[in-house]
All heavy atoms as atom14 arrays in JSON, in Angstrom:
{
  "sequence": "VSMGLQTVMYVATIFGSQELHLQTAQLIGTV",
  "atom14_mask": [
    [1, 1, 1, 1, 1, 1, 1, 0, 0, 0, 0, 0, 0, 0],
    [1, 1, 1, 1, 1, 1, 0, 0, 0, 0, 0, 0, 0, 0],
    [1, 1, 1, 1, 1, 1, 1, 1, 0, 0, 0, 0, 0, 0],
    [1, 1, 1, 1, 0, 0, 0, 0, 0, 0, 0, 0, 0, 0],
    [1, 1, 1, 1, 1, 1, 1, 1, 0, 0, 0, 0, 0, 0],
    [1, 1, 1, 1, 1, 1, 1, 1, 1, 0, 0, 0, 0, 0],
    [1, 1, 1, 1, 1, 1, 1, 0, 0, 0, 0, 0, 0, 0],
    [1, 1, 1, 1, 1, 1, 1, 0, 0, 0, 0, 0, 0, 0],
    [1, 1, 1, 1, 1, 1, 1, 1, 0, 0, 0, 0, 0, 0],
    [1, 1, 1, 1, 1, 1, 1, 1, 1, 1, 1, 1, 0, 0],
    [1, 1, 1, 1, 1, 1, 1, 0, 0, 0, 0, 0, 0, 0],
    [1, 1, 1, 1, 1, 0, 0, 0, 0, 0, 0, 0, 0, 0],
    [1, 1, 1, 1, 1, 1, 1, 0, 0, 0, 0, 0, 0, 0],
    [1, 1, 1, 1, 1, 1, 1, 1, 0, 0, 0, 0, 0, 0],
    [1, 1, 1, 1, 1, 1, 1, 1, 1, 1, 1, 0, 0, 0],
    [1, 1, 1, 1, 0, 0, 0, 0, 0, 0, 0, 0, 0, 0],
    [1, 1, 1, 1, 1, 1, 0, 0, 0, 0, 0, 0, 0, 0],
    [1, 1, 1, 1, 1, 1, 1, 1, 1, 0, 0, 0, 0, 0],
    [1, 1, 1, 1, 1, 1, 1, 1, 1, 0, 0, 0, 0, 0],
    [1, 1, 1, 1, 1, 1, 1, 1, 0, 0, 0, 0, 0, 0],
    [1, 1, 1, 1, 1, 1, 1, 1, 1, 1, 0, 0, 0, 0],
    [1, 1, 1, 1, 1, 1, 1, 1, 0, 0, 0, 0, 0, 0],
    [1, 1, 1, 1, 1, 1, 1, 1, 1, 0, 0, 0, 0, 0],
    [1, 1, 1, 1, 1, 1, 1, 0, 0, 0, 0, 0, 0, 0],
    [1, 1, 1, 1, 1, 0, 0, 0, 0, 0, 0, 0, 0, 0],
    [1, 1, 1, 1, 1, 1, 1, 1, 1, 0, 0, 0, 0, 0],
    [1, 1, 1, 1, 1, 1, 1, 1, 0, 0, 0, 0, 0, 0],
    [1, 1, 1, 1, 1, 1, 1, 1, 0, 0, 0, 0, 0, 0],
    [1, 1, 1, 1, 0, 0, 0, 0, 0, 0, 0, 0, 0, 0],
    [1, 1, 1, 1, 1, 1, 1, 0, 0, 0, 0, 0, 0, 0],
    [1, 1, 1, 1, 1, 1, 1, 0, 0, 0, 0, 0, 0, 0]
  ],
  "atom14_positions": [
    [[56.17, -38.85, 138.39], [56.3, -38.8, 139.84], [55.81, -40.1, 140.47], [56.43, -40.63, 141.4], [55.52, -37.6, 140.42], [55.44, -37.7, 141.95], [56.21, -36.3, 140.04], [0.0, 0.0, 0.0], [0.0, 0.0, 0.0], [0.0, 0.0, 0.0], [0.0, 0.0, 0.0], [0.0, 0.0, 0.0], [0.0, 0.0, 0.0], [0.0, 0.0, 0.0]],
    [[54.71, -40.64, 139.94], [54.16, -41.89, 140.47], [55.12, -43.06, 140.27], [55.15, -43.98, 141.08], [52.82, -42.21, 139.81], [51.85, -41.25, 140.16], [0.0, 0.0, 0.0], [0.0, 0.0, 0.0], [0.0, 0.0, 0.0], [0.0, 0.0, 0.0], [0.0, 0.0, 0.0], [0.0, 0.0, 0.0], [0.0, 0.0, 0.0], [0.0, 0.0, 0.0]],
    [[55.91, -43.04, 139.19], [56.91, -44.09, 138.98], [57.85, -44.18, 140.18], [58.14, -45.27, 140.68], [57.74, -43.79, 137.73], [57.1, -44.12, 136.43], [58.33, -43.97, 135.11], [57.27, -43.91, 133.68], [0.0, 0.0, 0.0], [0.0, 0.0, 0.0], [0.0, 0.0, 0.0], [0.0, 0.0, 0.0], [0.0, 0.0, 0.0], [0.0, 0.0, 0.0]],
    [[58.32, -43.03, 140.62], [59.25, -43.02, 141.75], [58.54, -43.14, 143.08], [58.95, -43.94, 143.94], [0.0, 0.0, 0.0], [0.0, 0.0, 0.0], [0.0, 0.0, 0.0], [0.0, 0.0, 0.0], [0.0, 0.0, 0.0], [0.0, 0.0, 0.0], [0.0, 0.0, 0.0], [0.0, 0.0, 0.0], [0.0, 0.0, 0.0], [0.0, 0.0, 0.0]],
    [[57.47, -42.39, 143.27], [56.76, -42.32, 144.55], [56.25, -43.69, 145.0], [56.55, -44.16, 146.1], [55.61, -41.33, 144.45], [54.64, -41.25, 145.63], [55.34, -40.71, 146.85], [53.42, -40.41, 145.26], [0.0, 0.0, 0.0], [0.0, 0.0, 0.0], [0.0, 0.0, 0.0], [0.0, 0.0, 0.0], [0.0, 0.0, 0.0], [0.0, 0.0, 0.0]],
    [[55.47, -44.33, 144.15], [54.85, -45.59, 144.53], [55.89, -46.7, 144.73], [55.76, -47.54, 145.62], [53.82, -46.01, 143.47], [52.7, -45.02, 143.28], [51.79, -44.93, 144.49], [51.76, -45.82, 145.33], [51.03, -43.84, 144.59], [0.0, 0.0, 0.0], [0.0, 0.0, 0.0], [0.0, 0.0, 0.0], [0.0, 0.0, 0.0], [0.0, 0.0, 0.0]],
    [[56.93, -46.7, 143.89], [57.97, -47.72, 144.03], [58.7, -47.58, 145.35], [58.93, -48.56, 146.06], [58.97, -47.64, 142.86], [58.26, -47.75, 141.62], [59.99, -48.76, 142.94], [0.0, 0.0, 0.0], [0.0, 0.0, 0.0], [0.0, 0.0, 0.0], [0.0, 0.0, 0.0], [0.0, 0.0, 0.0], [0.0, 0.0, 0.0], [0.0, 0.0, 0.0]],
    [[59.06, -46.35, 145.71], [59.73, -46.11, 146.99], [58.86, -46.59, 148.15], [59.34, -47.25, 149.09], [60.07, -44.62, 147.17], [60.51, -44.34, 148.61], [61.17, -44.2, 146.22], [0.0, 0.0, 0.0], [0.0, 0.0, 0.0], [0.0, 0.0, 0.0], [0.0, 0.0, 0.0], [0.0, 0.0, 0.0], [0.0, 0.0, 0.0], [0.0, 0.0, 0.0]],
    [[57.59, -46.28, 148.1], [56.69, -46.65, 149.18], [56.56, -48.17, 149.33], [56.5, -48.68, 150.45], [55.3, -46.03, 148.94], [55.28, -44.52, 149.14], [53.75, -43.76, 148.55], [52.52, -44.67, 149.48], [0.0, 0.0, 0.0], [0.0, 0.0, 0.0], [0.0, 0.0, 0.0], [0.0, 0.0, 0.0], [0.0, 0.0, 0.0], [0.0, 0.0, 0.0]],
    [[56.54, -48.89, 148.21], [56.35, -50.33, 148.28], [57.62, -51.11, 148.64], [57.53, -52.22, 149.16], [55.79, -50.85, 146.95], [54.31, -50.6, 146.78], [53.83, -49.77, 145.77], [53.38, -51.17, 147.64], [52.47, -49.53, 145.61], [52.03, -50.94, 147.51], [51.58, -50.12, 146.48], [50.23, -49.87, 146.34], [0.0, 0.0, 0.0], [0.0, 0.0, 0.0]],
    [[58.8, -50.55, 148.36], [60.04, -51.3, 148.62], [60.77, -50.81, 149.86], [61.82, -51.36, 150.21], [61.0, -51.24, 147.4], [60.3, -51.75, 146.15], [61.56, -49.84, 147.19], [0.0, 0.0, 0.0], [0.0, 0.0, 0.0], [0.0, 0.0, 0.0], [0.0, 0.0, 0.0], [0.0, 0.0, 0.0], [0.0, 0.0, 0.0], [0.0, 0.0, 0.0]],
    [[60.23, -49.82, 150.55], [60.94, -49.22, 151.68], [61.25, -50.23, 152.78], [62.36, -50.25, 153.33], [60.12, -48.06, 152.25], [0.0, 0.0, 0.0], [0.0, 0.0, 0.0], [0.0, 0.0, 0.0], [0.0, 0.0, 0.0], [0.0, 0.0, 0.0], [0.0, 0.0, 0.0], [0.0, 0.0, 0.0], [0.0, 0.0, 0.0], [0.0, 0.0, 0.0]],
    [[60.27, -51.08, 153.14], [60.51, -52.01, 154.24], [61.51, -53.1, 153.86], [62.27, -53.57, 154.71], [59.19, -52.66, 154.7], [58.47, -53.15, 153.57], [58.33, -51.66, 155.45], [0.0, 0.0, 0.0], [0.0, 0.0, 0.0], [0.0, 0.0, 0.0], [0.0, 0.0, 0.0], [0.0, 0.0, 0.0], [0.0, 0.0, 0.0], [0.0, 0.0, 0.0]],
    [[61.5, -53.51, 152.59], [62.5, -54.49, 152.16], [63.88, -53.87, 152.21], [64.87, -54.53, 152.57], [62.18, -55.01, 150.74], [61.0, -55.99, 150.81], [63.38, -55.69, 150.11], [60.72, -56.72, 149.53], [0.0, 0.0, 0.0], [0.0, 0.0, 0.0], [0.0, 0.0, 0.0], [0.0, 0.0, 0.0], [0.0, 0.0, 0.0], [0.0, 0.0, 0.0]],
    [[63.98, -52.58, 151.88], [65.26, -51.87, 151.98], [65.75, -51.89, 153.43], [66.92, -52.18, 153.71], [65.09, -50.42, 151.5], [66.32, -49.58, 151.67], [67.33, -49.6, 150.73], [66.47, -48.75, 152.79], [68.48, -48.82, 150.9], [67.61, -47.97, 152.97], [68.61, -48.01, 152.01], [0.0, 0.0, 0.0], [0.0, 0.0, 0.0], [0.0, 0.0, 0.0]],
    [[64.86, -51.58, 154.36], [65.24, -51.58, 155.77], [65.61, -52.96, 156.27], [66.53, -53.12, 157.08], [0.0, 0.0, 0.0], [0.0, 0.0, 0.0], [0.0, 0.0, 0.0], [0.0, 0.0, 0.0], [0.0, 0.0, 0.0], [0.0, 0.0, 0.0], [0.0, 0.0, 0.0], [0.0, 0.0, 0.0], [0.0, 0.0, 0.0], [0.0, 0.0, 0.0]],
    [[64.91, -53.99, 155.77], [65.18, -55.35, 156.2], [66.51, -55.86, 155.65], [67.33, -56.42, 156.38], [64.04, -56.27, 155.75], [64.32, -57.62, 156.06], [0.0, 0.0, 0.0], [0.0, 0.0, 0.0], [0.0, 0.0, 0.0], [0.0, 0.0, 0.0], [0.0, 0.0, 0.0], [0.0, 0.0, 0.0], [0.0, 0.0, 0.0], [0.0, 0.0, 0.0]],
    [[66.74, -55.68, 154.35], [67.92, -56.25, 153.73], [69.17, -55.41, 153.93], [70.24, -55.93, 154.25], [67.68, -56.45, 152.23], [68.9, -57.02, 151.5], [68.55, -57.52, 150.12], [67.68, -58.36, 149.95], [69.23, -57.01, 149.11], [0.0, 0.0, 0.0], [0.0, 0.0, 0.0], [0.0, 0.0, 0.0], [0.0, 0.0, 0.0], [0.0, 0.0, 0.0]],
    [[69.06, -54.09, 153.75], [70.25, -53.23, 153.8], [70.65, -52.88, 155.23], [71.84, -52.76, 155.54], [69.99, -51.95, 153.01], [69.86, -52.16, 151.52], [71.16, -52.65, 150.88], [72.22, -52.12, 151.24], [71.1, -53.56, 150.03], [0.0, 0.0, 0.0], [0.0, 0.0, 0.0], [0.0, 0.0, 0.0], [0.0, 0.0, 0.0], [0.0, 0.0, 0.0]],
    [[69.65, -52.68, 156.11], [69.95, -52.24, 157.47], [69.71, -53.34, 158.5], [69.95, -53.12, 159.69], [69.1, -51.01, 157.82], [69.23, -49.82, 156.86], [68.32, -48.69, 157.29], [70.66, -49.34, 156.77], [0.0, 0.0, 0.0], [0.0, 0.0, 0.0], [0.0, 0.0, 0.0], [0.0, 0.0, 0.0], [0.0, 0.0, 0.0], [0.0, 0.0, 0.0]],
    [[69.19, -54.49, 158.04], [68.96, -55.66, 158.9], [68.03, -55.34, 160.07], [68.24, -55.8, 161.2], [70.3, -56.21, 159.41], [71.3, -56.46, 158.32], [71.13, -57.46, 157.37], [72.47, -55.84, 158.01], [72.15, -57.45, 156.54], [72.97, -56.47, 156.89], [0.0, 0.0, 0.0], [0.0, 0.0, 0.0], [0.0, 0.0, 0.0], [0.0, 0.0, 0.0]],
    [[67.0, -54.55, 159.81], [66.03, -54.24, 160.84], [65.06, -55.4, 161.02], [64.72, -56.1, 160.06], [65.25, -52.97, 160.47], [66.07, -51.68, 160.3], [65.16, -50.53, 159.95], [66.86, -51.37, 161.58], [0.0, 0.0, 0.0], [0.0, 0.0, 0.0], [0.0, 0.0, 0.0], [0.0, 0.0, 0.0], [0.0, 0.0, 0.0], [0.0, 0.0, 0.0]],
    [[64.6, -55.6, 162.25], [63.64, -56.65, 162.53], [62.24, -56.2, 162.12], [61.97, -55.01, 161.92], [63.67, -56.99, 164.02], [65.02, -57.48, 164.51], [65.49, -58.74, 163.78], [64.73, -59.7, 163.65], [66.74, -58.73, 163.32], [0.0, 0.0, 0.0], [0.0, 0.0, 0.0], [0.0, 0.0, 0.0], [0.0, 0.0, 0.0], [0.0, 0.0, 0.0]],
    [[61.33, -57.19, 162.01], [59.96, -56.89, 161.58], [59.3, -55.85, 162.48], [58.64, -54.92, 162.0], [59.12, -58.18, 161.58], [59.7, -59.14, 160.69], [57.69, -57.88, 161.13], [0.0, 0.0, 0.0], [0.0, 0.0, 0.0], [0.0, 0.0, 0.0], [0.0, 0.0, 0.0], [0.0, 0.0, 0.0], [0.0, 0.0, 0.0], [0.0, 0.0, 0.0]],
    [[59.49, -55.99, 163.79], [58.88, -55.02, 164.73], [59.43, -53.62, 164.51], [58.69, -52.63, 164.58], [59.13, -55.46, 166.18], [0.0, 0.0, 0.0], [0.0, 0.0, 0.0], [0.0, 0.0, 0.0], [0.0, 0.0, 0.0], [0.0, 0.0, 0.0], [0.0, 0.0, 0.0], [0.0, 0.0, 0.0], [0.0, 0.0, 0.0], [0.0, 0.0, 0.0]],
    [[60.72, -53.51, 164.22], [61.32, -52.19, 163.94], [60.76, -51.6, 162.66], [60.49, -50.39, 162.58], [62.84, -52.33, 163.82], [63.56, -52.65, 165.12], [65.04, -52.86, 164.91], [65.46, -53.79, 164.21], [65.86, -52.0, 165.49], [0.0, 0.0, 0.0], [0.0, 0.0, 0.0], [0.0, 0.0, 0.0], [0.0, 0.0, 0.0], [0.0, 0.0, 0.0]],
    [[60.57, -52.45, 161.65], [60.03, -51.98, 160.38], [58.59, -51.52, 160.53], [58.19, -50.49, 159.98], [60.12, -53.1, 159.33], [61.54, -53.5, 158.91], [61.51, -54.76, 158.07], [62.2, -52.36, 158.14], [0.0, 0.0, 0.0], [0.0, 0.0, 0.0], [0.0, 0.0, 0.0], [0.0, 0.0, 0.0], [0.0, 0.0, 0.0], [0.0, 0.0, 0.0]],
    [[57.81, -52.28, 161.28], [56.42, -51.87, 161.52], [56.37, -50.57, 162.29], [55.55, -49.68, 162.01], [55.65, -52.98, 162.26], [55.56, -54.24, 161.39], [54.24, -52.51, 162.63], [54.92, -55.41, 162.09], [0.0, 0.0, 0.0], [0.0, 0.0, 0.0], [0.0, 0.0, 0.0], [0.0, 0.0, 0.0], [0.0, 0.0, 0.0], [0.0, 0.0, 0.0]],
    [[57.26, -50.42, 163.27], [57.33, -49.16, 164.01], [57.66, -47.99, 163.11], [57.1, -46.9, 163.26], [0.0, 0.0, 0.0], [0.0, 0.0, 0.0], [0.0, 0.0, 0.0], [0.0, 0.0, 0.0], [0.0, 0.0, 0.0], [0.0, 0.0, 0.0], [0.0, 0.0, 0.0], [0.0, 0.0, 0.0], [0.0, 0.0, 0.0], [0.0, 0.0, 0.0]],
    [[58.56, -48.22, 162.16], [58.91, -47.17, 161.19], [57.71, -46.79, 160.34], [57.45, -45.6, 160.09], [60.06, -47.64, 160.28], [61.17, -48.02, 161.09], [60.48, -46.54, 159.33], [0.0, 0.0, 0.0], [0.0, 0.0, 0.0], [0.0, 0.0, 0.0], [0.0, 0.0, 0.0], [0.0, 0.0, 0.0], [0.0, 0.0, 0.0], [0.0, 0.0, 0.0]],
    [[56.98, -47.8, 159.9], [55.79, -47.54, 159.09], [54.76, -46.76, 159.89], [54.08, -45.87, 159.36], [55.2, -48.87, 158.57], [53.85, -48.63, 157.9], [56.16, -49.54, 157.59], [0.0, 0.0, 0.0], [0.0, 0.0, 0.0], [0.0, 0.0, 0.0], [0.0, 0.0, 0.0], [0.0, 0.0, 0.0], [0.0, 0.0, 0.0], [0.0, 0.0, 0.0]]
  ]
}
């Protein structure tokens, strides 16, 4: 479970930045 859980948590903002082109402020708001 930790293999998936921790990886998702650490790469989530990069996913939002690269795939959805969200700005830093939007990503921080999501967090």
